[in-house]
Every structure is written in C-alpha cells, then in structure tokens.
Amino acid sequence: MRGFLASSIGVTCAAALALPLTPPALAATARPVPTTEVATAARPAPHAGTPDTTMTDRRAAEPSAAGSTQSLPLEPLTRNRATPSASATPSASASASLSPSAEQGLSRRAVRRFSLVGVIWDDPHAELHGRVHVRTRAVGTGTWSGWQDVETHNADHAADLDTPESTSGRVRGATAPLWVGDSDGVELRVRSELQGTGGRSIAVAAPSLPSGLRLELVDPGEGDEALPGGPVDSPRTGGLNTETSAATDASAANADLALLGATEITALSRAATEREFYTLRAGESVERQRAKPYVGPRPRIVTRRGWGANEGLRERKFVYTKKVKAAFVHHTASGNKYRCSQSPSLIRSIYRYHVKSMGWRDVGYNFLIDKCGKIYEGRAGGVTRPVLGAHTLGFNSNSMGIAVLGSYGAKKPSSAAVKSIARVTAWKLGLYRMNPRGKTYLKSAGSNLYRKGKKVRLNVISGHRDGFRTSCPGRKLYGKLGSARTKAARYQGR
C-alpha cells in the first residue's frame, strides 16, 4: 500500500522514469500540457428592465468570458413581481405578506453567456429551507425556458467536518448545480418554506433565508484550448509557471498508466490488468502477493486533461486517505438535459462550481460517469490511488465517490451508466482486494445518520443515502445498485 501513498512530488519524478517504458499504443492519446488558459474578457451585460429584452440587449450579452463565473447578489422581491406558478408558490395573499428575508431573486435580465447555475450563501452550515426556481434564455433562439427547480439540499456533498478542507474559511453553502445549456439571460426566485408545506400559505411563518445569497452563472469555457485575451482566473498561488506545474503533476499522478499529457487511460484486458495489479502492489508482502487477485479489467477513463480541467483553479497539493474500502454512488442532481458530447463541459462547470463558488479544494467526486457510460477522472491525485474526496459527508475517508451526471429521482439511469459503475468499481475496488458484493466497516466522521466515531457496517458499493439522510443518488439510480454489485463481482471473476 505504501506505493499508493507516495507524494505528488514523488509521482512527478516517477513520470520521468516511466516514460521510456510506456507502451507505444498510449502515445496517440497524449497532448502537450498547456502553459495557460486564457479567454476573451467580457464587458458587463445590461440588466433588462422589462420582461422582454431587446435585440440590443442580446448583442451586448454576446461577448462571454470563456471559463468564468458571474456571481450576482440576490435582491428582495416585491409582491408585484411575477411568480413561477400558482402551484409552486404561496397564495397571492401570502405572497404579499412575505418579508424580504423570505423571498429573494433576480428580475429577468441579459447576462454574459453561461451554461450552469447554482445559488450560494455565506454560512456552509446553514440550510436553505425553501424552493429555488430559475428560467433561462437560450443563446441563438432567444427563447425563454419554463421555470426549473434547483435542488436545494446539497450539504450532504461535502468534506468531512473538522478537516482542513472544511475549515479553510472559503467554504460556502450551496444548492446543487443545474445544467441549462448555452444561455444569455436569467430570472430567479428563491422562496423560504417550512419543510413539508409544499408552498401553501403557511409559508408566511417560514424561517429566513440564509444570508449572502448569490446566483452563480458558470461558463465552462473551452477546456485547455488557448484563447486570445487575458486570463480569466488566476491560480490560487503563484503564476503561470505554477499552473503549468499543477497540470504536469495532475497528469504525472497517472504515470504508471499513461503518458504524460494523455487525454485518456486506455482499457486493458483482465490478464493485462492482473499484471498491472502486481506492479502497483509491489510493496505488499510475499504472502499477500501470492493471493489470487480479484480485479476487474481496467476500463477506459478520460483524464482531467481529456475533459479540459484548468489545473490552476484547484489547490496544488494532493491529499490521500489510507485505502479504498467502499464506493459511494451519487447523482449530480444537475438535470438530464445534456448531450453526451457536452459531458466535458458539464464536468468543467461542476468543477468550477465546486472550487470557485463553493470553496472546495477540487471537484468533490473521484469519478464521474455520463449517461452514455463514459468514465471520467475526478479529483486529482491518480485514479489508482486513495484520493480523499468531498462527496459523502462523514464517510470520505477510505472510500471513493462516483457521480452519475444527471438527476435520477424520477428518471431511470441508462444501462450504459450502470454498467460503467460496475466496471469502474470492479477495477478500483479490486486493486484494494474488496468484494463488490461484500460488506465493510467505515468509521463515521459525523453525519445526520451516524455520530462521529461510530463504526458503521455498509455495502462495499453503497448509495450516498446509506451514509447520510438524503435522497441522493435518486430513487431510480439507488434501485440499480444491486445490479451494479452483481455485475462488478462478475467482472472481478467472482
């Protein structure tokens, strides 16, 4: 296991040594590591004062900062402003009585281009008890969408309490992100409600909304493609050399599997995966090495370089836990209105939202899977290694988080996505000699289900709701985990 816990500096050195031994077949997936990510600066877009903005407004909103976040403070809403719908809001008399602390939002307006939205607030421990509705205007057609719900309960996706990541002073409360596609106009309503009232007139007694509410409009940018203009975001520390070095480190963390700068880690056969297993576990005792490995064939994985991560956004250091004893399955609750060709943009948006808006050190998940079954590397540090994530509050240690892009409360996940959950768990859990159909014990770091320090017996492949009282990963996806466990065990040869 010591081989899995080498520092990022050691990994970088290992990359230089490993390059001559890398199979030639991997060379086709490698690209030079970028030196910088820049974008055309945007001028501020006008606020539309009337329900329908003019063509002049639309043209003013066109120049967009590729790879950027617009952060707009919310305003108290008055009773004469439009509400999303009668079924989604209190009665007219109740709405008229709502205080500014119970209803906030933004009037319809033109903004710079964006593709993902979310709402944040100051206190990461405060809950938004209420409903968030947003509507957006599509670029090109100028058509406004209907009102869409934004998932408000998102505190269960977080770093464990009292860890450096959770106590950094940068973390904020937030809703789940919602993918809306290429847009240049927005309107928002946030209304406080008592839990379980469903928006009835009793909402006049609802608690105040959290302080410091802001709407985050995220433009995913164009990945690592260099664009003319100045840099949109500076690295957390240092300058362009630091950013370049961070990109090199992220790629070098997978040096045993792919060339430096590779956009994907290629799939392997079971025999080749077993040979790789013995190489990766060379530090184990002779007795352990003699034990038959039950490890699934390595699946194809799109690297951070492949989905276009701006490595200057995240914290530089990699943080590891001891081992991987369990996998927690999530959904991103970001909606299902994305094409698989847009998955890299969606992941870049979630990454930016996690880091720039929510204040995390990196994207929270260890792997992400789209509805076409493509697997993506998540938090930096190496796909074979026990990278500490921020996905299941209370159980991030000795586990990994896998998020399926989309919302699966009412919609069934694709068979391709379920198969990929099985494939990536069969491989990664197999590297740590874990049986996907088995049980394991994890120590709780504190959640709303288990007190801190309690040893909890869990499925090796669990849903987020098994460690935290939450609807994640959605009823429909949770119902497929039994199938994923069976498939994963079969991939391992059990």
Protein backbone atom coordinates (compact mmCIF):
# COMPACT_ATOMS: atom_id res chain seq x y z
CA MET A 1 0.00 0.00 0.00
CA ARG A 2 2.98 2.30 0.51
CA GLY A 3 3.23 2.56 -3.27
CA PHE A 4 -0.20 4.16 -3.30
CA LEU A 5 0.73 6.83 -0.78
CA ALA A 6 3.68 8.46 -2.46
CA SER A 7 3.69 12.24 -2.51
CA SER A 8 2.82 14.20 -5.60
CA ILE A 9 6.47 15.16 -5.87
CA GLY A 10 7.40 11.52 -6.00
CA VAL A 11 4.80 10.86 -8.65
CA THR A 12 6.22 13.62 -10.82
CA CYS A 13 9.67 12.06 -10.54
CA ALA A 14 8.22 8.65 -11.35
CA ALA A 15 6.71 10.03 -14.54
CA ALA A 16 10.10 10.93 -15.91
CA LEU A 17 11.40 7.45 -15.18
CA ALA A 18 8.33 5.71 -16.56
CA LEU A 19 8.10 7.45 -19.91
CA PRO A 20 10.57 5.25 -21.81
CA LEU A 21 8.69 2.14 -20.60
CA THR A 22 5.21 3.35 -21.56
CA PRO A 23 3.57 1.22 -24.25
CA PRO A 24 3.64 2.94 -27.67
CA ALA A 25 -0.13 2.43 -28.01
CA LEU A 26 -0.68 5.14 -25.42
CA ALA A 27 1.18 7.78 -27.37
CA ALA A 28 -1.82 8.57 -29.55
CA THR A 29 -3.76 9.86 -26.55
CA ALA A 30 -1.09 12.27 -25.34
CA ARG A 31 -1.04 16.02 -25.87
CA PRO A 32 1.33 18.70 -24.58
CA VAL A 33 0.41 20.03 -21.15
CA PRO A 34 -1.00 23.56 -21.58
CA THR A 35 1.01 26.54 -20.49
CA THR A 36 -2.02 28.68 -19.64
CA GLU A 37 -5.75 29.05 -20.04
CA VAL A 38 -6.94 32.43 -21.16
CA ALA A 39 -10.16 33.86 -22.51
CA THR A 40 -11.59 36.93 -24.12
CA ALA A 41 -12.63 39.39 -21.43
CA ALA A 42 -16.29 40.29 -21.44
CA ARG A 43 -17.84 43.68 -20.92
CA PRO A 44 -20.74 43.80 -18.44
CA ALA A 45 -24.10 42.85 -19.90
CA PRO A 46 -27.06 45.19 -19.37
CA HIS A 47 -29.82 44.40 -16.93
CA ALA A 48 -33.15 44.11 -18.67
CA GLY A 49 -35.72 46.33 -17.02
CA THR A 50 -38.69 44.83 -18.81
CA PRO A 51 -39.86 41.23 -19.23
CA ASP A 52 -38.66 41.11 -22.83
CA THR A 53 -35.15 42.33 -23.58
CA THR A 54 -34.32 43.99 -26.85
CA MET A 55 -32.03 42.79 -29.61
CA THR A 56 -29.54 45.42 -28.48
CA ASP A 57 -29.53 43.81 -25.02
CA ARG A 58 -28.88 40.42 -26.59
CA ARG A 59 -25.97 41.66 -28.66
CA ALA A 60 -24.46 43.33 -25.58
CA ALA A 61 -24.58 39.99 -23.79
CA GLU A 62 -22.78 38.09 -26.56
CA PRO A 63 -19.10 38.65 -25.58
CA SER A 64 -18.54 35.99 -22.92
CA ALA A 65 -15.56 35.16 -20.73
CA ALA A 66 -14.88 31.53 -21.58
CA GLY A 67 -14.29 29.66 -18.35
CA SER A 68 -15.72 32.17 -15.89
CA THR A 69 -18.26 32.64 -13.12
CA GLN A 70 -20.67 35.55 -12.82
CA SER A 71 -21.73 36.00 -9.18
CA LEU A 72 -24.86 38.12 -8.77
CA PRO A 73 -26.24 39.14 -5.33
CA LEU A 74 -29.94 38.44 -4.90
CA GLU A 75 -32.48 41.17 -4.20
CA PRO A 76 -35.69 41.21 -2.13
CA LEU A 77 -38.71 40.56 -4.32
CA THR A 78 -41.88 42.64 -4.11
CA ARG A 79 -45.41 41.31 -4.44
CA ASN A 80 -45.98 42.82 -7.89
CA ARG A 81 -43.20 40.77 -9.47
CA ALA A 82 -44.10 37.64 -11.40
CA THR A 83 -44.05 34.30 -9.61
CA PRO A 84 -43.20 30.99 -11.27
CA SER A 85 -46.64 29.39 -10.99
CA ALA A 86 -49.58 29.16 -8.67
CA SER A 87 -48.82 25.54 -7.85
CA ALA A 88 -45.22 26.29 -6.94
CA THR A 89 -45.78 29.41 -4.80
CA PRO A 90 -47.90 30.56 -1.87
CA SER A 91 -51.29 32.12 -2.45
CA ALA A 92 -51.46 35.71 -3.61
CA SER A 93 -52.32 36.99 -0.14
CA ALA A 94 -49.48 35.01 1.41
CA SER A 95 -47.05 36.19 -1.22
CA ALA A 96 -47.96 39.77 -0.50
CA SER A 97 -47.09 39.21 3.16
CA LEU A 98 -43.68 37.64 2.60
CA SER A 99 -40.81 39.63 4.07
CA PRO A 100 -37.61 40.33 2.11
CA SER A 101 -35.95 37.66 4.23
CA ALA A 102 -38.46 35.08 2.93
CA GLU A 103 -38.29 35.77 -0.81
CA GLN A 104 -35.38 36.92 -2.91
CA GLY A 105 -34.33 36.67 -6.51
CA LEU A 106 -33.41 38.48 -9.70
CA SER A 107 -35.66 40.01 -12.33
CA ARG A 108 -35.36 38.88 -15.91
CA ARG A 109 -32.11 40.20 -17.37
CA ALA A 110 -29.44 39.78 -20.03
CA VAL A 111 -26.08 38.46 -18.84
CA ARG A 112 -22.88 37.06 -20.30
CA ARG A 113 -23.05 33.53 -21.63
CA PHE A 114 -23.27 30.67 -19.14
CA SER A 115 -24.37 27.03 -19.09
CA LEU A 116 -24.79 26.08 -15.43
CA VAL A 117 -26.46 27.80 -12.49
CA GLY A 118 -26.41 27.46 -8.71
CA VAL A 119 -27.16 29.54 -5.62
CA ILE A 120 -24.64 30.02 -2.82
CA TRP A 121 -24.71 31.70 0.60
CA ASP A 122 -22.27 32.67 3.33
CA ASP A 123 -22.64 30.01 6.04
CA PRO A 124 -21.84 26.46 4.85
CA HIS A 125 -23.69 25.05 7.88
CA ALA A 126 -26.93 26.95 7.12
CA GLU A 127 -29.68 25.17 5.18
CA LEU A 128 -31.87 26.80 2.56
CA HIS A 129 -35.34 25.69 3.64
CA GLY A 130 -37.40 26.56 0.63
CA ARG A 131 -37.54 26.40 -3.13
CA VAL A 132 -35.35 27.78 -5.90
CA HIS A 133 -36.78 28.34 -9.39
CA VAL A 134 -34.85 29.57 -12.41
CA ARG A 135 -35.62 30.25 -16.03
CA THR A 136 -33.05 30.99 -18.70
CA ARG A 137 -32.85 32.34 -22.26
CA ALA A 138 -31.20 30.19 -24.92
CA VAL A 139 -28.41 31.69 -26.99
CA GLY A 140 -29.30 31.91 -30.66
CA THR A 141 -33.08 31.48 -30.47
CA GLY A 142 -33.71 33.94 -27.64
CA THR A 143 -36.34 31.52 -26.29
CA TRP A 144 -37.03 31.53 -22.56
CA SER A 145 -37.30 28.19 -20.80
CA GLY A 146 -40.04 27.29 -18.37
CA TRP A 147 -39.36 27.52 -14.65
CA GLN A 148 -36.98 24.81 -13.44
CA ASP A 149 -36.37 23.58 -9.89
CA VAL A 150 -32.87 23.72 -8.44
CA GLU A 151 -32.10 21.06 -5.82
CA THR A 152 -31.63 22.93 -2.53
CA HIS A 153 -30.42 20.10 -0.27
CA ASN A 154 -26.74 19.78 -1.09
CA ALA A 155 -24.90 19.97 2.26
CA ASP A 156 -24.52 16.19 2.28
CA HIS A 157 -21.94 16.52 -0.52
CA ALA A 158 -19.01 17.97 1.41
CA ALA A 159 -15.65 17.42 3.02
CA ASP A 160 -15.76 15.78 6.44
CA LEU A 161 -16.18 18.06 9.44
CA ASP A 162 -13.05 19.50 11.08
CA THR A 163 -10.82 18.67 8.11
CA PRO A 164 -8.55 21.32 6.55
CA GLU A 165 -10.82 21.47 3.50
CA SER A 166 -13.98 22.13 5.52
CA THR A 167 -12.31 24.65 7.86
CA SER A 168 -10.42 26.64 5.20
CA GLY A 169 -12.66 29.70 5.58
CA ARG A 170 -13.53 29.58 1.86
CA VAL A 171 -16.40 27.07 2.02
CA ARG A 172 -19.93 28.34 1.38
CA GLY A 173 -23.40 26.86 1.50
CA ALA A 174 -24.83 25.99 -1.90
CA THR A 175 -27.57 24.35 -3.88
CA ALA A 176 -26.80 21.60 -6.33
CA PRO A 177 -25.73 22.92 -9.74
CA LEU A 178 -28.21 22.83 -12.63
CA TRP A 179 -27.14 22.46 -16.27
CA VAL A 180 -29.21 24.76 -18.50
CA GLY A 181 -27.14 24.81 -21.70
CA ASP A 182 -25.77 27.81 -23.59
CA SER A 183 -27.74 30.78 -22.22
CA ASP A 184 -27.51 34.58 -22.05
CA GLY A 185 -30.50 35.57 -19.92
CA VAL A 186 -31.77 34.58 -16.48
CA GLU A 187 -34.57 35.10 -13.95
CA LEU A 188 -34.54 33.65 -10.43
CA ARG A 189 -36.92 33.17 -7.49
CA VAL A 190 -35.88 31.88 -4.05
CA ARG A 191 -38.68 31.41 -1.51
CA SER A 192 -38.43 30.27 2.09
CA GLU A 193 -40.82 27.50 3.17
CA LEU A 194 -41.45 25.34 6.17
CA GLN A 195 -40.46 21.79 5.35
CA GLY A 196 -43.42 19.73 4.20
CA THR A 197 -45.75 22.63 3.45
CA GLY A 198 -45.41 22.36 -0.33
CA GLY A 199 -45.67 26.12 -0.74
CA ARG A 200 -49.09 26.56 0.95
CA SER A 201 -49.98 29.83 2.68
CA ILE A 202 -48.33 28.66 5.90
CA ALA A 203 -45.10 29.78 4.22
CA VAL A 204 -45.59 33.23 5.87
CA ALA A 205 -44.17 31.61 9.03
CA ALA A 206 -41.20 30.09 7.24
CA PRO A 207 -37.67 30.75 8.52
CA SER A 208 -35.49 33.42 6.99
CA LEU A 209 -33.35 32.62 4.01
CA PRO A 210 -29.58 32.27 4.57
CA SER A 211 -27.59 35.49 4.39
CA GLY A 212 -25.41 36.41 1.43
CA LEU A 213 -27.45 34.68 -1.28
CA ARG A 214 -25.87 34.92 -4.73
CA LEU A 215 -26.66 33.43 -8.12
CA GLU A 216 -23.66 31.77 -9.75
CA LEU A 217 -23.65 31.61 -13.55
CA VAL A 218 -20.90 29.30 -14.77
CA ASP A 219 -19.40 29.30 -18.25
CA PRO A 220 -17.39 26.07 -18.70
CA GLY A 221 -15.10 27.60 -21.31
CA GLU A 222 -13.27 25.60 -23.93
CA GLY A 223 -11.15 23.35 -21.77
CA ASP A 224 -7.41 23.75 -22.24
CA GLU A 225 -7.64 25.46 -25.63
CA ALA A 226 -5.80 28.78 -25.59
CA LEU A 227 -7.98 31.75 -26.48
CA PRO A 228 -6.91 35.35 -27.10
CA GLY A 229 -7.07 37.80 -24.23
CA GLY A 230 -6.14 37.80 -20.56
CA PRO A 231 -6.53 35.02 -18.01
CA VAL A 232 -9.99 34.58 -16.55
CA ASP A 233 -8.94 33.06 -13.23
CA SER A 234 -5.57 33.23 -11.57
CA PRO A 235 -4.15 30.14 -9.90
CA ARG A 236 -4.68 30.09 -6.12
CA THR A 237 -0.97 30.76 -5.61
CA GLY A 238 1.81 31.71 -7.97
CA GLY A 239 1.52 32.48 -11.67
CA LEU A 240 1.51 30.70 -14.99
CA ASN A 241 4.50 28.54 -14.10
CA THR A 242 2.60 27.27 -11.07
CA GLU A 243 -0.43 26.47 -13.22
CA THR A 244 1.71 24.59 -15.73
CA SER A 245 3.38 22.66 -12.96
CA ALA A 246 -0.02 21.78 -11.46
CA ALA A 247 -1.15 20.40 -14.83
CA THR A 248 2.03 18.34 -15.05
CA ASP A 249 1.52 16.98 -11.54
CA ALA A 250 -2.09 16.01 -12.25
CA SER A 251 -1.04 14.10 -15.35
CA ALA A 252 2.04 12.57 -13.71
CA ALA A 253 -0.14 11.12 -10.94
CA ASN A 254 -1.23 8.57 -13.57
CA ALA A 255 2.30 7.96 -14.89
CA ASP A 256 2.05 4.20 -14.30
CA LEU A 257 -0.96 4.04 -16.61
CA ALA A 258 -0.48 6.60 -19.40
CA LEU A 259 1.91 9.05 -20.98
CA LEU A 260 2.34 12.50 -19.50
CA GLY A 261 -0.33 14.71 -21.05
CA ALA A 262 -2.56 11.78 -22.07
CA THR A 263 -6.21 12.58 -22.61
CA GLU A 264 -7.33 9.08 -21.72
CA ILE A 265 -6.21 5.96 -19.91
CA THR A 266 -6.84 3.05 -22.21
CA ALA A 267 -8.80 -0.07 -21.28
CA LEU A 268 -6.93 -3.31 -20.53
CA SER A 269 -7.79 -6.97 -20.70
CA ARG A 270 -8.16 -8.91 -17.47
CA ALA A 271 -4.75 -10.56 -17.92
CA ALA A 272 -3.05 -7.22 -18.52
CA THR A 273 -4.90 -5.71 -15.55
CA GLU A 274 -3.65 -8.51 -13.29
CA ARG A 275 -0.08 -7.86 -14.41
CA GLU A 276 -0.61 -4.17 -13.67
CA PHE A 277 -2.05 -5.10 -10.28
CA TYR A 278 1.14 -6.91 -9.26
CA THR A 279 3.24 -3.95 -10.41
CA LEU A 280 1.15 -1.47 -8.43
CA ARG A 281 1.15 -3.72 -5.35
CA ALA A 282 4.88 -4.49 -5.44
CA GLY A 283 5.26 -3.22 -1.87
CA GLU A 284 3.00 -5.90 -0.42
CA SER A 285 4.26 -8.92 1.48
CA VAL A 286 5.09 -12.04 -0.49
CA GLU A 287 2.16 -13.86 1.11
CA ARG A 288 -0.28 -11.16 0.03
CA GLN A 289 1.13 -11.16 -3.49
CA ARG A 290 0.57 -14.89 -3.79
CA ALA A 291 -3.15 -14.47 -3.12
CA LYS A 292 -5.27 -14.57 -6.28
CA PRO A 293 -6.30 -11.05 -7.29
CA TYR A 294 -9.98 -10.47 -7.99
CA VAL A 295 -9.77 -7.32 -10.05
CA GLY A 296 -11.93 -6.29 -12.97
CA PRO A 297 -10.38 -5.28 -16.30
CA ARG A 298 -9.28 -1.67 -16.27
CA PRO A 299 -11.91 0.46 -18.08
CA ARG A 300 -11.21 3.36 -20.40
CA ILE A 301 -11.02 6.57 -18.37
CA VAL A 302 -10.97 10.13 -19.70
CA THR A 303 -8.30 12.03 -17.76
CA ARG A 304 -8.59 15.51 -16.34
CA ARG A 305 -6.53 16.64 -19.32
CA GLY A 306 -9.08 14.93 -21.54
CA TRP A 307 -12.08 16.83 -20.15
CA GLY A 308 -10.16 20.08 -20.06
CA ALA A 309 -9.57 20.78 -16.37
CA ASN A 310 -7.97 24.13 -15.59
CA GLU A 311 -5.47 22.88 -13.02
CA GLY A 312 -4.81 26.43 -11.85
CA LEU A 313 -8.21 26.53 -10.12
CA ARG A 314 -7.68 23.77 -7.58
CA GLU A 315 -5.37 23.55 -4.62
CA ARG A 316 -1.97 22.27 -5.65
CA LYS A 317 -1.43 19.55 -3.05
CA PHE A 318 -2.88 16.05 -3.37
CA VAL A 319 -4.45 14.56 -0.23
CA TYR A 320 -4.75 10.81 0.29
CA THR A 321 -6.55 8.50 2.66
CA LYS A 322 -5.24 5.03 3.60
CA LYS A 323 -7.18 2.72 1.29
CA VAL A 324 -10.42 2.31 -0.65
CA LYS A 325 -12.83 0.04 1.22
CA ALA A 326 -16.11 1.28 -0.26
CA ALA A 327 -17.60 3.19 -3.18
CA PHE A 328 -20.45 5.67 -2.68
CA VAL A 329 -22.65 6.23 -5.72
CA HIS A 330 -24.16 9.69 -6.30
CA HIS A 331 -26.07 11.64 -8.88
CA THR A 332 -25.05 15.23 -9.57
CA ALA A 333 -28.73 16.42 -9.45
CA SER A 334 -27.80 18.74 -12.33
CA GLY A 335 -30.65 17.70 -14.61
CA ASN A 336 -30.74 15.41 -17.62
CA LYS A 337 -30.84 18.00 -20.42
CA TYR A 338 -27.33 17.43 -21.66
CA ARG A 339 -25.91 15.59 -24.64
CA CYS A 340 -23.05 13.18 -24.12
CA SER A 341 -20.88 15.42 -26.31
CA GLN A 342 -21.45 18.12 -23.67
CA SER A 343 -20.24 15.96 -20.76
CA PRO A 344 -16.74 17.52 -20.63
CA SER A 345 -18.33 20.99 -20.49
CA LEU A 346 -20.71 19.86 -17.75
CA ILE A 347 -17.82 18.41 -15.73
CA ARG A 348 -15.76 21.59 -16.16
CA SER A 349 -18.79 23.54 -14.93
CA ILE A 350 -19.25 21.34 -11.86
CA TYR A 351 -15.51 21.54 -11.15
CA ARG A 352 -15.59 25.33 -11.35
CA TYR A 353 -18.73 25.49 -9.21
CA HIS A 354 -17.20 23.26 -6.54
CA VAL A 355 -13.96 25.24 -6.40
CA LYS A 356 -14.79 28.87 -7.25
CA SER A 357 -18.35 29.06 -5.91
CA MET A 358 -18.46 26.54 -3.05
CA GLY A 359 -14.83 26.96 -1.97
CA TRP A 360 -13.68 23.35 -2.17
CA ARG A 361 -10.09 22.39 -2.96
CA ASP A 362 -11.05 20.44 -6.12
CA VAL A 363 -14.07 18.73 -7.65
CA GLY A 364 -15.64 16.57 -4.94
CA TYR A 365 -16.03 13.22 -6.75
CA ASN A 366 -13.31 10.71 -7.57
CA PHE A 367 -15.01 9.58 -10.80
CA LEU A 368 -17.86 10.86 -12.93
CA ILE A 369 -19.94 8.87 -15.44
CA ASP A 370 -22.20 10.27 -18.14
CA LYS A 371 -25.42 8.73 -19.45
CA CYS A 372 -23.54 7.19 -22.37
CA GLY A 373 -21.35 5.30 -19.91
CA LYS A 374 -18.12 7.24 -20.42
CA ILE A 375 -15.96 7.32 -17.28
CA TYR A 376 -14.07 10.48 -16.28
CA GLU A 377 -11.30 11.07 -13.75
CA GLY A 378 -12.46 13.33 -10.93
CA ARG A 379 -10.40 14.78 -8.09
CA ALA A 380 -6.71 14.97 -8.95
CA GLY A 381 -4.12 12.65 -7.45
CA GLY A 382 -4.16 9.49 -9.56
CA VAL A 383 -7.00 7.13 -10.48
CA THR A 384 -5.42 4.07 -8.80
CA ARG A 385 -4.74 5.86 -5.55
CA PRO A 386 -6.91 6.53 -2.45
CA VAL A 387 -7.54 10.23 -3.16
CA LEU A 388 -9.53 11.89 -0.36
CA GLY A 389 -12.71 13.32 -1.86
CA ALA A 390 -15.58 15.56 -0.72
CA HIS A 391 -18.59 13.51 -1.74
CA THR A 392 -20.18 11.82 1.29
CA LEU A 393 -20.14 13.95 4.45
CA GLY A 394 -18.95 11.71 7.26
CA PHE A 395 -17.51 8.92 5.10
CA ASN A 396 -14.90 10.41 2.76
CA SER A 397 -12.02 8.55 4.40
CA ASN A 398 -11.18 5.11 2.98
CA SER A 399 -13.81 5.44 0.28
CA MET A 400 -14.33 6.82 -3.21
CA GLY A 401 -17.22 8.78 -4.70
CA ILE A 402 -18.70 8.04 -8.13
CA ALA A 403 -21.21 10.53 -9.55
CA VAL A 404 -23.51 9.83 -12.48
CA LEU A 405 -24.18 13.06 -14.36
CA GLY A 406 -27.90 13.82 -14.14
CA SER A 407 -30.90 13.57 -11.82
CA TYR A 408 -32.33 10.15 -11.08
CA GLY A 409 -35.17 10.61 -8.64
CA ALA A 410 -37.86 10.04 -11.29
CA LYS A 411 -35.77 9.07 -14.33
CA LYS A 412 -34.10 5.69 -14.73
CA PRO A 413 -30.33 5.75 -15.30
CA SER A 414 -29.14 4.34 -18.61
CA SER A 415 -27.95 0.75 -18.73
CA ALA A 416 -24.62 2.10 -20.03
CA ALA A 417 -24.17 4.22 -16.89
CA VAL A 418 -24.99 1.31 -14.57
CA LYS A 419 -22.57 -0.92 -16.46
CA SER A 420 -19.82 1.69 -16.08
CA ILE A 421 -20.47 1.92 -12.33
CA ALA A 422 -19.87 -1.84 -12.24
CA ARG A 423 -16.75 -1.64 -14.41
CA VAL A 424 -15.00 1.15 -12.51
CA THR A 425 -15.83 -0.37 -9.10
CA ALA A 426 -14.76 -3.87 -10.18
CA TRP A 427 -11.39 -2.42 -11.16
CA LYS A 428 -10.73 0.16 -8.44
CA LEU A 429 -12.14 -1.87 -5.53
CA GLY A 430 -10.28 -4.90 -6.89
CA LEU A 431 -6.99 -3.02 -6.59
CA TYR A 432 -7.71 -2.90 -2.85
CA ARG A 433 -8.94 -6.52 -2.69
CA MET A 434 -12.56 -5.56 -1.97
CA ASN A 435 -15.55 -7.68 -2.98
CA PRO A 436 -18.28 -5.53 -4.63
CA ARG A 437 -20.99 -7.81 -3.18
CA GLY A 438 -19.48 -7.71 0.29
CA LYS A 439 -19.82 -5.60 3.42
CA THR A 440 -17.25 -3.42 5.12
CA TYR A 441 -16.91 -1.15 8.15
CA LEU A 442 -16.18 2.57 7.97
CA LYS A 443 -15.77 4.95 10.89
CA SER A 444 -18.13 7.92 10.71
CA ALA A 445 -16.63 11.39 10.86
CA GLY A 446 -20.09 12.69 11.77
CA SER A 447 -23.27 12.84 9.69
CA ASN A 448 -27.00 13.23 10.24
CA LEU A 449 -27.30 9.42 10.35
CA TYR A 450 -24.26 8.38 12.38
CA ARG A 451 -22.44 10.09 15.23
CA LYS A 452 -18.74 10.80 14.92
CA GLY A 453 -16.60 7.78 15.77
CA LYS A 454 -19.27 5.15 15.20
CA LYS A 455 -18.19 2.13 13.16
CA VAL A 456 -20.83 1.56 10.50
CA ARG A 457 -21.39 -1.63 8.51
CA LEU A 458 -22.03 -0.74 4.88
CA ASN A 459 -22.23 -2.36 1.48
CA VAL A 460 -18.91 -2.13 -0.34
CA ILE A 461 -20.91 -0.43 -3.11
CA SER A 462 -23.30 1.90 -1.29
CA GLY A 463 -25.55 4.76 -2.24
CA HIS A 464 -24.97 8.20 -0.78
CA ARG A 465 -28.17 7.81 1.29
CA ASP A 466 -26.61 4.86 3.13
CA GLY A 467 -24.21 7.22 4.91
CA PHE A 468 -26.30 10.39 5.09
CA ARG A 469 -30.03 11.10 5.25
CA THR A 470 -30.52 12.35 1.70
CA SER A 471 -32.37 11.49 -1.49
CA CYS A 472 -29.06 11.08 -3.39
CA PRO A 473 -28.39 9.20 -5.67
CA GLY A 474 -32.07 9.36 -6.53
CA ARG A 475 -34.61 6.57 -6.08
CA LYS A 476 -34.20 5.19 -9.59
CA LEU A 477 -30.40 5.02 -9.50
CA TYR A 478 -30.36 3.64 -5.96
CA GLY A 479 -32.60 0.83 -7.15
CA LYS A 480 -29.95 -0.22 -9.69
CA LEU A 481 -27.11 -0.66 -7.20
CA GLY A 482 -27.90 -4.33 -6.63
CA SER A 483 -27.41 -4.93 -10.35
CA ALA A 484 -24.16 -2.94 -10.28
CA ARG A 485 -22.83 -5.05 -7.39
CA THR A 486 -23.61 -8.29 -9.22
CA LYS A 487 -22.02 -7.09 -12.46
CA ALA A 488 -18.94 -5.78 -10.66
CA ALA A 489 -18.38 -9.09 -8.88
CA ARG A 490 -18.71 -10.91 -12.20
CA TYR A 491 -16.16 -8.58 -13.80
CA GLN A 492 -13.80 -9.50 -10.95
CA GLY A 493 -14.25 -13.18 -11.73
CA ARG A 494 -16.13 -13.98 -8.53
